[in-house]
Amino acid sequence: MPYYEYELCEGNCAACGGNFTLRRPISAPELKACPACKKPVRKVISGFSSPIHLKPLSVSDAKKAGFTVLKRVNKGEYERQ
């Protein structure tokens, strides 16, 4: 289940501090009010985590990993390297 960040549309709240994060299923309806203070909220667009950036695989790395590496000879024709 993804995490969603929300903030109050206006004002502040002693319970939630004006913003909060909830873990909700994708199929759940959009949250319209703070669960603590019942004031209207809006979803905040936040960053996301992505996999570590790795260097591109070379032909020799791909062969060592067990992949078949093909080289284009002509239009629609390939041969093994």
PDB file of N, CA and C in Angstrom:
ATOM      1  N   MET A   1       0.839  -1.182   0.000  1.00  0.00           N
ATOM      2  CA  MET A   1       0.000   0.000   0.000  1.00  0.00           C
ATOM      3  C   MET A   1       0.883   1.244   0.000  1.00  0.00           C
ATOM      4  N   PRO A   2       0.554   2.213  -0.825  1.00  0.00           N
ATOM      5  CA  PRO A   2       1.357   3.440  -0.886  1.00  0.00           C
ATOM      6  C   PRO A   2       1.061   4.388   0.270  1.00  0.00           C
ATOM      7  N   TYR A   3       2.000   5.277   0.494  1.00  0.00           N
ATOM      8  CA  TYR A   3       1.840   6.342   1.488  1.00  0.00           C
ATOM      9  C   TYR A   3       1.361   7.595   0.771  1.00  0.00           C
ATOM     10  N   TYR A   4       0.420   8.293   1.376  1.00  0.00           N
ATOM     11  CA  TYR A   4      -0.086   9.546   0.829  1.00  0.00           C
ATOM     12  C   TYR A   4       0.129  10.645   1.858  1.00  0.00           C
ATOM     13  N   GLU A   5       0.588  11.809   1.382  1.00  0.00           N
ATOM     14  CA  GLU A   5       0.799  12.959   2.254  1.00  0.00           C
ATOM     15  C   GLU A   5      -0.342  13.952   2.040  1.00  0.00           C
ATOM     16  N   TYR A   6      -0.836  14.495   3.135  1.00  0.00           N
ATOM     17  CA  TYR A   6      -1.930  15.449   3.089  1.00  0.00           C
ATOM     18  C   TYR A   6      -1.560  16.682   3.903  1.00  0.00           C
ATOM     19  N   GLU A   7      -2.192  17.820   3.537  1.00  0.00           N
ATOM     20  CA  GLU A   7      -2.062  19.039   4.325  1.00  0.00           C
ATOM     21  C   GLU A   7      -3.430  19.696   4.411  1.00  0.00           C
ATOM     22  N   LEU A   8      -3.618  20.471   5.481  1.00  0.00           N
ATOM     23  CA  LEU A   8      -4.886  21.184   5.638  1.00  0.00           C
ATOM     24  C   LEU A   8      -5.005  22.259   4.569  1.00  0.00           C
ATOM     25  N   CYS A   9      -6.214  22.460   4.063  1.00  0.00           N
ATOM     26  CA  CYS A   9      -6.426  23.503   3.060  1.00  0.00           C
ATOM     27  C   CYS A   9      -6.214  24.889   3.654  1.00  0.00           C
ATOM     28  N   GLU A  10      -6.628  25.068   4.903  1.00  0.00           N
ATOM     29  CA  GLU A  10      -6.390  26.345   5.588  1.00  0.00           C
ATOM     30  C   GLU A  10      -6.408  26.116   7.087  1.00  0.00           C
ATOM     31  N   GLY A  11      -5.699  26.954   7.793  1.00  0.00           N
ATOM     32  CA  GLY A  11      -5.651  26.857   9.245  1.00  0.00           C
ATOM     33  C   GLY A  11      -4.591  25.876   9.718  1.00  0.00           C
ATOM     34  N   ASN A  12      -4.680  25.535  10.994  1.00  0.00           N
ATOM     35  CA  ASN A  12      -3.728  24.624  11.606  1.00  0.00           C
ATOM     36  C   ASN A  12      -4.486  23.745  12.602  1.00  0.00           C
ATOM     37  N   CYS A  13      -3.867  22.652  12.992  1.00  0.00           N
ATOM     38  CA  CYS A  13      -4.512  21.706  13.898  1.00  0.00           C
ATOM     39  C   CYS A  13      -3.491  21.251  14.931  1.00  0.00           C
ATOM     40  N   ALA A  14      -3.870  21.229  16.182  1.00  0.00           N
ATOM     41  CA  ALA A  14      -2.963  20.781  17.244  1.00  0.00           C
ATOM     42  C   ALA A  14      -2.744  19.275  17.162  1.00  0.00           C
ATOM     43  N   ALA A  15      -3.719  18.531  16.662  1.00  0.00           N
ATOM     44  CA  ALA A  15      -3.620  17.067  16.600  1.00  0.00           C
ATOM     45  C   ALA A  15      -2.713  16.604  15.460  1.00  0.00           C
ATOM     46  N   CYS A  16      -2.916  17.152  14.258  1.00  0.00           N
ATOM     47  CA  CYS A  16      -2.140  16.677  13.099  1.00  0.00           C
ATOM     48  C   CYS A  16      -0.999  17.613  12.730  1.00  0.00           C
ATOM     49  N   GLY A  17      -0.959  18.821  13.268  1.00  0.00           N
ATOM     50  CA  GLY A  17       0.108  19.766  12.963  1.00  0.00           C
ATOM     51  C   GLY A  17      -0.013  20.413  11.592  1.00  0.00           C
ATOM     52  N   GLY A  18      -1.126  20.202  10.903  1.00  0.00           N
ATOM     53  CA  GLY A  18      -1.321  20.824   9.588  1.00  0.00           C
ATOM     54  C   GLY A  18      -0.964  19.928   8.434  1.00  0.00           C
ATOM     55  N   ASN A  19      -0.190  18.870   8.672  1.00  0.00           N
ATOM     56  CA  ASN A  19       0.103  17.898   7.616  1.00  0.00           C
ATOM     57  C   ASN A  19       0.328  16.521   8.239  1.00  0.00           C
ATOM     58  N   PHE A  20       0.040  15.491   7.466  1.00  0.00           N
ATOM     59  CA  PHE A  20       0.172  14.131   7.968  1.00  0.00           C
ATOM     60  C   PHE A  20       0.319  13.160   6.806  1.00  0.00           C
ATOM     61  N   THR A  21       0.763  11.963   7.095  1.00  0.00           N
ATOM     62  CA  THR A  21       0.966  10.912   6.102  1.00  0.00           C
ATOM     63  C   THR A  21       0.134   9.699   6.490  1.00  0.00           C
ATOM     64  N   LEU A  22      -0.547   9.127   5.499  1.00  0.00           N
ATOM     65  CA  LEU A  22      -1.357   7.938   5.736  1.00  0.00           C
ATOM     66  C   LEU A  22      -0.983   6.842   4.736  1.00  0.00           C
ATOM     67  N   ARG A  23      -1.024   5.624   5.204  1.00  0.00           N
ATOM     68  CA  ARG A  23      -0.817   4.465   4.326  1.00  0.00           C
ATOM     69  C   ARG A  23      -2.207   3.946   3.986  1.00  0.00           C
ATOM     70  N   ARG A  24      -2.578   4.049   2.706  1.00  0.00           N
ATOM     71  CA  ARG A  24      -3.926   3.687   2.278  1.00  0.00           C
ATOM     72  C   ARG A  24      -3.867   2.850   1.011  1.00  0.00           C
ATOM     73  N   PRO A  25      -4.821   1.946   0.821  1.00  0.00           N
ATOM     74  CA  PRO A  25      -4.865   1.187  -0.432  1.00  0.00           C
ATOM     75  C   PRO A  25      -5.209   2.107  -1.606  1.00  0.00           C
ATOM     76  N   ILE A  26      -4.765   1.730  -2.785  1.00  0.00           N
ATOM     77  CA  ILE A  26      -5.031   2.537  -3.980  1.00  0.00           C
ATOM     78  C   ILE A  26      -6.529   2.626  -4.240  1.00  0.00           C
ATOM     79  N   SER A  27      -7.256   1.572  -3.906  1.00  0.00           N
ATOM     80  CA  SER A  27      -8.693   1.531  -4.170  1.00  0.00           C
ATOM     81  C   SER A  27      -9.516   2.368  -3.183  1.00  0.00           C
ATOM     82  N   ALA A  28      -8.892   2.895  -2.137  1.00  0.00           N
ATOM     83  CA  ALA A  28      -9.617   3.688  -1.135  1.00  0.00           C
ATOM     84  C   ALA A  28     -10.071   5.014  -1.747  1.00  0.00           C
ATOM     85  N   PRO A  29     -11.250   5.505  -1.345  1.00  0.00           N
ATOM     86  CA  PRO A  29     -11.706   6.800  -1.869  1.00  0.00           C
ATOM     87  C   PRO A  29     -10.793   7.934  -1.390  1.00  0.00           C
ATOM     88  N   GLU A  30     -10.799   9.016  -2.160  1.00  0.00           N
ATOM     89  CA  GLU A  30      -9.948  10.164  -1.829  1.00  0.00           C
ATOM     90  C   GLU A  30     -10.339  10.743  -0.466  1.00  0.00           C
ATOM     91  N   LEU A  31      -9.337  11.072   0.332  1.00  0.00           N
ATOM     92  CA  LEU A  31      -9.568  11.635   1.660  1.00  0.00           C
ATOM     93  C   LEU A  31      -9.953  13.102   1.518  1.00  0.00           C
ATOM     94  N   LYS A  32     -11.063  13.494   2.118  1.00  0.00           N
ATOM     95  CA  LYS A  32     -11.557  14.868   2.004  1.00  0.00           C
ATOM     96  C   LYS A  32     -11.355  15.673   3.283  1.00  0.00           C
ATOM     97  N   ALA A  33     -11.224  14.994   4.445  1.00  0.00           N
ATOM     98  CA  ALA A  33     -11.116  15.698   5.727  1.00  0.00           C
ATOM     99  C   ALA A  33     -10.081  15.003   6.611  1.00  0.00           C
ATOM    100  N   CYS A  34      -9.454  15.785   7.472  1.00  0.00           N
ATOM    101  CA  CYS A  34      -8.478  15.263   8.424  1.00  0.00           C
ATOM    102  C   CYS A  34      -9.175  14.303   9.393  1.00  0.00           C
ATOM    103  N   PRO A  35      -8.618  13.116   9.630  1.00  0.00           N
ATOM    104  CA  PRO A  35      -9.258  12.194  10.568  1.00  0.00           C
ATOM    105  C   PRO A  35      -9.279  12.727  12.009  1.00  0.00           C
ATOM    106  N   ALA A  36      -8.363  13.619  12.358  1.00  0.00           N
ATOM    107  CA  ALA A  36      -8.283  14.126  13.732  1.00  0.00           C
ATOM    108  C   ALA A  36      -9.191  15.335  13.959  1.00  0.00           C
ATOM    109  N   CYS A  37      -9.092  16.341  13.069  1.00  0.00           N
ATOM    110  CA  CYS A  37      -9.816  17.597  13.315  1.00  0.00           C
ATOM    111  C   CYS A  37     -10.988  17.823  12.359  1.00  0.00           C
ATOM    112  N   LYS A  38     -11.152  16.969  11.364  1.00  0.00           N
ATOM    113  CA  LYS A  38     -12.265  17.028  10.395  1.00  0.00           C
ATOM    114  C   LYS A  38     -12.248  18.263   9.495  1.00  0.00           C
ATOM    115  N   LYS A  39     -11.103  18.977   9.422  1.00  0.00           N
ATOM    116  CA  LYS A  39     -10.985  20.109   8.509  1.00  0.00           C
ATOM    117  C   LYS A  39     -10.654  19.577   7.113  1.00  0.00           C
ATOM    118  N   PRO A  40     -10.996  20.334   6.045  1.00  0.00           N
ATOM    119  CA  PRO A  40     -10.707  19.874   4.685  1.00  0.00           C
ATOM    120  C   PRO A  40      -9.201  19.758   4.427  1.00  0.00           C
ATOM    121  N   VAL A  41      -8.818  18.732   3.669  1.00  0.00           N
ATOM    122  CA  VAL A  41      -7.409  18.497   3.339  1.00  0.00           C
ATOM    123  C   VAL A  41      -7.238  18.351   1.834  1.00  0.00           C
ATOM    124  N   ARG A  42      -5.989  18.486   1.393  1.00  0.00           N
ATOM    125  CA  ARG A  42      -5.632  18.237  -0.009  1.00  0.00           C
ATOM    126  C   ARG A  42      -4.385  17.353  -0.024  1.00  0.00           C
ATOM    127  N   LYS A  43      -4.270  16.560  -1.082  1.00  0.00           N
ATOM    128  CA  LYS A  43      -3.139  15.662  -1.232  1.00  0.00           C
ATOM    129  C   LYS A  43      -1.917  16.456  -1.674  1.00  0.00           C
ATOM    130  N   VAL A  44      -0.758  16.147  -1.106  1.00  0.00           N
ATOM    131  CA  VAL A  44       0.493  16.829  -1.437  1.00  0.00           C
ATOM    132  C   VAL A  44       1.277  15.936  -2.401  1.00  0.00           C
ATOM    133  N   ILE A  45       1.763  16.528  -3.469  1.00  0.00           N
ATOM    134  CA  ILE A  45       2.618  15.798  -4.398  1.00  0.00           C
ATOM    135  C   ILE A  45       4.004  15.764  -3.775  1.00  0.00           C
ATOM    136  N   SER A  46       4.513  14.571  -3.556  1.00  0.00           N
ATOM    137  CA  SER A  46       5.799  14.432  -2.881  1.00  0.00           C
ATOM    138  C   SER A  46       6.751  13.606  -3.736  1.00  0.00           C
ATOM    139  N   GLY A  47       7.978  13.518  -3.280  1.00  0.00           N
ATOM    140  CA  GLY A  47       8.994  12.737  -3.983  1.00  0.00           C
ATOM    141  C   GLY A  47       8.751  11.246  -3.819  1.00  0.00           C
ATOM    142  N   PHE A  48       9.496  10.469  -4.541  1.00  0.00           N
ATOM    143  CA  PHE A  48       9.380   9.031  -4.445  1.00  0.00           C
ATOM    144  C   PHE A  48      10.767   8.426  -4.448  1.00  0.00           C
ATOM    145  N   SER A  49      10.875   7.227  -3.957  1.00  0.00           N
ATOM    146  CA  SER A  49      12.171   6.561  -3.958  1.00  0.00           C
ATOM    147  C   SER A  49      12.283   5.697  -5.203  1.00  0.00           C
ATOM    148  N   SER A  50      13.445   5.710  -5.793  1.00  0.00           N
ATOM    149  CA  SER A  50      13.688   4.903  -6.980  1.00  0.00           C
ATOM    150  C   SER A  50      14.906   4.020  -6.726  1.00  0.00           C
ATOM    151  N   PRO A  51      15.059   2.979  -7.538  1.00  0.00           N
ATOM    152  CA  PRO A  51      16.212   2.110  -7.336  1.00  0.00           C
ATOM    153  C   PRO A  51      17.531   2.868  -7.502  1.00  0.00           C
ATOM    154  N   ILE A  52      18.565   2.322  -6.950  1.00  0.00           N
ATOM    155  CA  ILE A  52      19.891   2.925  -7.044  1.00  0.00           C
ATOM    156  C   ILE A  52      20.297   2.984  -8.517  1.00  0.00           C
ATOM    157  N   HIS A  53      20.880   4.093  -8.913  1.00  0.00           N
ATOM    158  CA  HIS A  53      21.338   4.226 -10.295  1.00  0.00           C
ATOM    159  C   HIS A  53      22.579   3.366 -10.491  1.00  0.00           C
ATOM    160  N   LEU A  54      22.494   2.464 -11.441  1.00  0.00           N
ATOM    161  CA  LEU A  54      23.612   1.588 -11.747  1.00  0.00           C
ATOM    162  C   LEU A  54      24.187   1.957 -13.092  1.00  0.00           C
ATOM    163  N   LYS A  55      25.441   1.572 -13.297  1.00  0.00           N
ATOM    164  CA  LYS A  55      26.048   1.847 -14.600  1.00  0.00           C
ATOM    165  C   LYS A  55      25.408   0.933 -15.647  1.00  0.00           C
ATOM    166  N   PRO A  56      25.327   1.375 -16.891  1.00  0.00           N
ATOM    167  CA  PRO A  56      24.757   0.521 -17.934  1.00  0.00           C
ATOM    168  C   PRO A  56      25.600  -0.741 -18.109  1.00  0.00           C
ATOM    169  N   LEU A  57      24.944  -1.823 -18.428  1.00  0.00           N
ATOM    170  CA  LEU A  57      25.655  -3.078 -18.627  1.00  0.00           C
ATOM    171  C   LEU A  57      26.423  -3.042 -19.939  1.00  0.00           C
ATOM    172  N   SER A  58      27.633  -3.546 -19.923  1.00  0.00           N
ATOM    173  CA  SER A  58      28.395  -3.676 -21.146  1.00  0.00           C
ATOM    174  C   SER A  58      28.072  -5.032 -21.772  1.00  0.00           C
ATOM    175  N   VAL A  59      28.543  -5.255 -22.990  1.00  0.00           N
ATOM    176  CA  VAL A  59      28.310  -6.517 -23.684  1.00  0.00           C
ATOM    177  C   VAL A  59      28.925  -7.665 -22.893  1.00  0.00           C
ATOM    178  N   SER A  60      30.121  -7.468 -22.368  1.00  0.00           N
ATOM    179  CA  SER A  60      30.768  -8.540 -21.609  1.00  0.00           C
ATOM    180  C   SER A  60      30.013  -8.827 -20.310  1.00  0.00           C
ATOM    181  N   ASP A  61      29.478  -7.776 -19.642  1.00  0.00           N
ATOM    182  CA  ASP A  61      28.686  -7.986 -18.426  1.00  0.00           C
ATOM    183  C   ASP A  61      27.417  -8.776 -18.737  1.00  0.00           C
ATOM    184  N   ALA A  62      26.765  -8.449 -19.858  1.00  0.00           N
ATOM    185  CA  ALA A  62      25.545  -9.149 -20.239  1.00  0.00           C
ATOM    186  C   ALA A  62      25.834 -10.616 -20.544  1.00  0.00           C
ATOM    187  N   LYS A  63      26.944 -10.884 -21.226  1.00  0.00           N
ATOM    188  CA  LYS A  63      27.310 -12.271 -21.543  1.00  0.00           C
ATOM    189  C   LYS A  63      27.612 -13.050 -20.261  1.00  0.00           C
ATOM    190  N   LYS A  64      28.319 -12.418 -19.325  1.00  0.00           N
ATOM    191  CA  LYS A  64      28.632 -13.084 -18.054  1.00  0.00           C
ATOM    192  C   LYS A  64      27.365 -13.405 -17.266  1.00  0.00           C
ATOM    193  N   ALA A  65      26.335 -12.562 -17.416  1.00  0.00           N
ATOM    194  CA  ALA A  65      25.074 -12.774 -16.708  1.00  0.00           C
ATOM    195  C   ALA A  65      24.204 -13.826 -17.390  1.00  0.00           C
ATOM    196  N   GLY A  66      24.622 -14.322 -18.556  1.00  0.00           N
ATOM    197  CA  GLY A  66      23.884 -15.380 -19.230  1.00  0.00           C
ATOM    198  C   GLY A  66      22.947 -14.917 -20.326  1.00  0.00           C
ATOM    199  N   PHE A  67      23.011 -13.645 -20.690  1.00  0.00           N
ATOM    200  CA  PHE A  67      22.153 -13.137 -21.756  1.00  0.00           C
ATOM    201  C   PHE A  67      22.786 -13.393 -23.118  1.00  0.00           C
ATOM    202  N   THR A  68      21.953 -13.563 -24.120  1.00  0.00           N
ATOM    203  CA  THR A  68      22.425 -13.669 -25.498  1.00  0.00           C
ATOM    204  C   THR A  68      22.477 -12.261 -26.071  1.00  0.00           C
ATOM    205  N   VAL A  69      23.635 -11.865 -26.555  1.00  0.00           N
ATOM    206  CA  VAL A  69      23.820 -10.524 -27.090  1.00  0.00           C
ATOM    207  C   VAL A  69      23.790 -10.614 -28.603  1.00  0.00           C
ATOM    208  N   LEU A  70      22.917  -9.813 -29.224  1.00  0.00           N
ATOM    209  CA  LEU A  70      22.772  -9.809 -30.671  1.00  0.00           C
ATOM    210  C   LEU A  70      23.261  -8.489 -31.247  1.00  0.00           C
ATOM    211  N   LYS A  71      23.804  -8.575 -32.464  1.00  0.00           N
ATOM    212  CA  LYS A  71      24.269  -7.382 -33.174  1.00  0.00           C
ATOM    213  C   LYS A  71      23.467  -7.275 -34.466  1.00  0.00           C
ATOM    214  N   ARG A  72      22.995  -6.094 -34.795  1.00  0.00           N
ATOM    215  CA  ARG A  72      22.209  -5.887 -36.011  1.00  0.00           C
ATOM    216  C   ARG A  72      23.136  -5.896 -37.222  1.00  0.00           C
ATOM    217  N   VAL A  73      22.823  -6.748 -38.193  1.00  0.00           N
ATOM    218  CA  VAL A  73      23.621  -6.859 -39.411  1.00  0.00           C
ATOM    219  C   VAL A  73      22.960  -6.055 -40.526  1.00  0.00           C
ATOM    220  N   ASN A  74      21.723  -6.355 -40.821  1.00  0.00           N
ATOM    221  CA  ASN A  74      20.925  -5.646 -41.823  1.00  0.00           C
ATOM    222  C   ASN A  74      19.548  -5.403 -41.239  1.00  0.00           C
ATOM    223  N   LYS A  75      18.705  -4.796 -42.037  1.00  0.00           N
ATOM    224  CA  LYS A  75      17.343  -4.551 -41.576  1.00  0.00           C
ATOM    225  C   LYS A  75      16.659  -5.898 -41.324  1.00  0.00           C
ATOM    226  N   GLY A  76      16.310  -6.154 -40.068  1.00  0.00           N
ATOM    227  CA  GLY A  76      15.635  -7.391 -39.710  1.00  0.00           C
ATOM    228  C   GLY A  76      16.554  -8.586 -39.541  1.00  0.00           C
ATOM    229  N   GLU A  77      17.876  -8.403 -39.646  1.00  0.00           N
ATOM    230  CA  GLU A  77      18.829  -9.520 -39.492  1.00  0.00           C
ATOM    231  C   GLU A  77      19.778  -9.223 -38.345  1.00  0.00           C
ATOM    232  N   TYR A  78      19.934 -10.219 -37.480  1.00  0.00           N
ATOM    233  CA  TYR A  78      20.804 -10.093 -36.325  1.00  0.00           C
ATOM    234  C   TYR A  78      21.687 -11.324 -36.234  1.00  0.00           C
ATOM    235  N   GLU A  79      22.855 -11.170 -35.634  1.00  0.00           N
ATOM    236  CA  GLU A  79      23.722 -12.330 -35.384  1.00  0.00           C
ATOM    237  C   GLU A  79      24.272 -12.219 -33.980  1.00  0.00           C
ATOM    238  N   ARG A  80      24.649 -13.380 -33.422  1.00  0.00           N
ATOM    239  CA  ARG A  80      25.210 -13.395 -32.080  1.00  0.00           C
ATOM    240  C   ARG A  80      26.574 -12.746 -32.085  1.00  0.00           C
ATOM    241  N   GLN A  81      26.891 -12.126 -30.975  1.00  0.00           N
ATOM    242  CA  GLN A  81      28.227 -11.534 -30.831  1.00  0.00           C
ATOM    243  C   GLN A  81      29.124 -12.484 -30.118  1.00  0.00           C
TER     244      GLN A  81
END
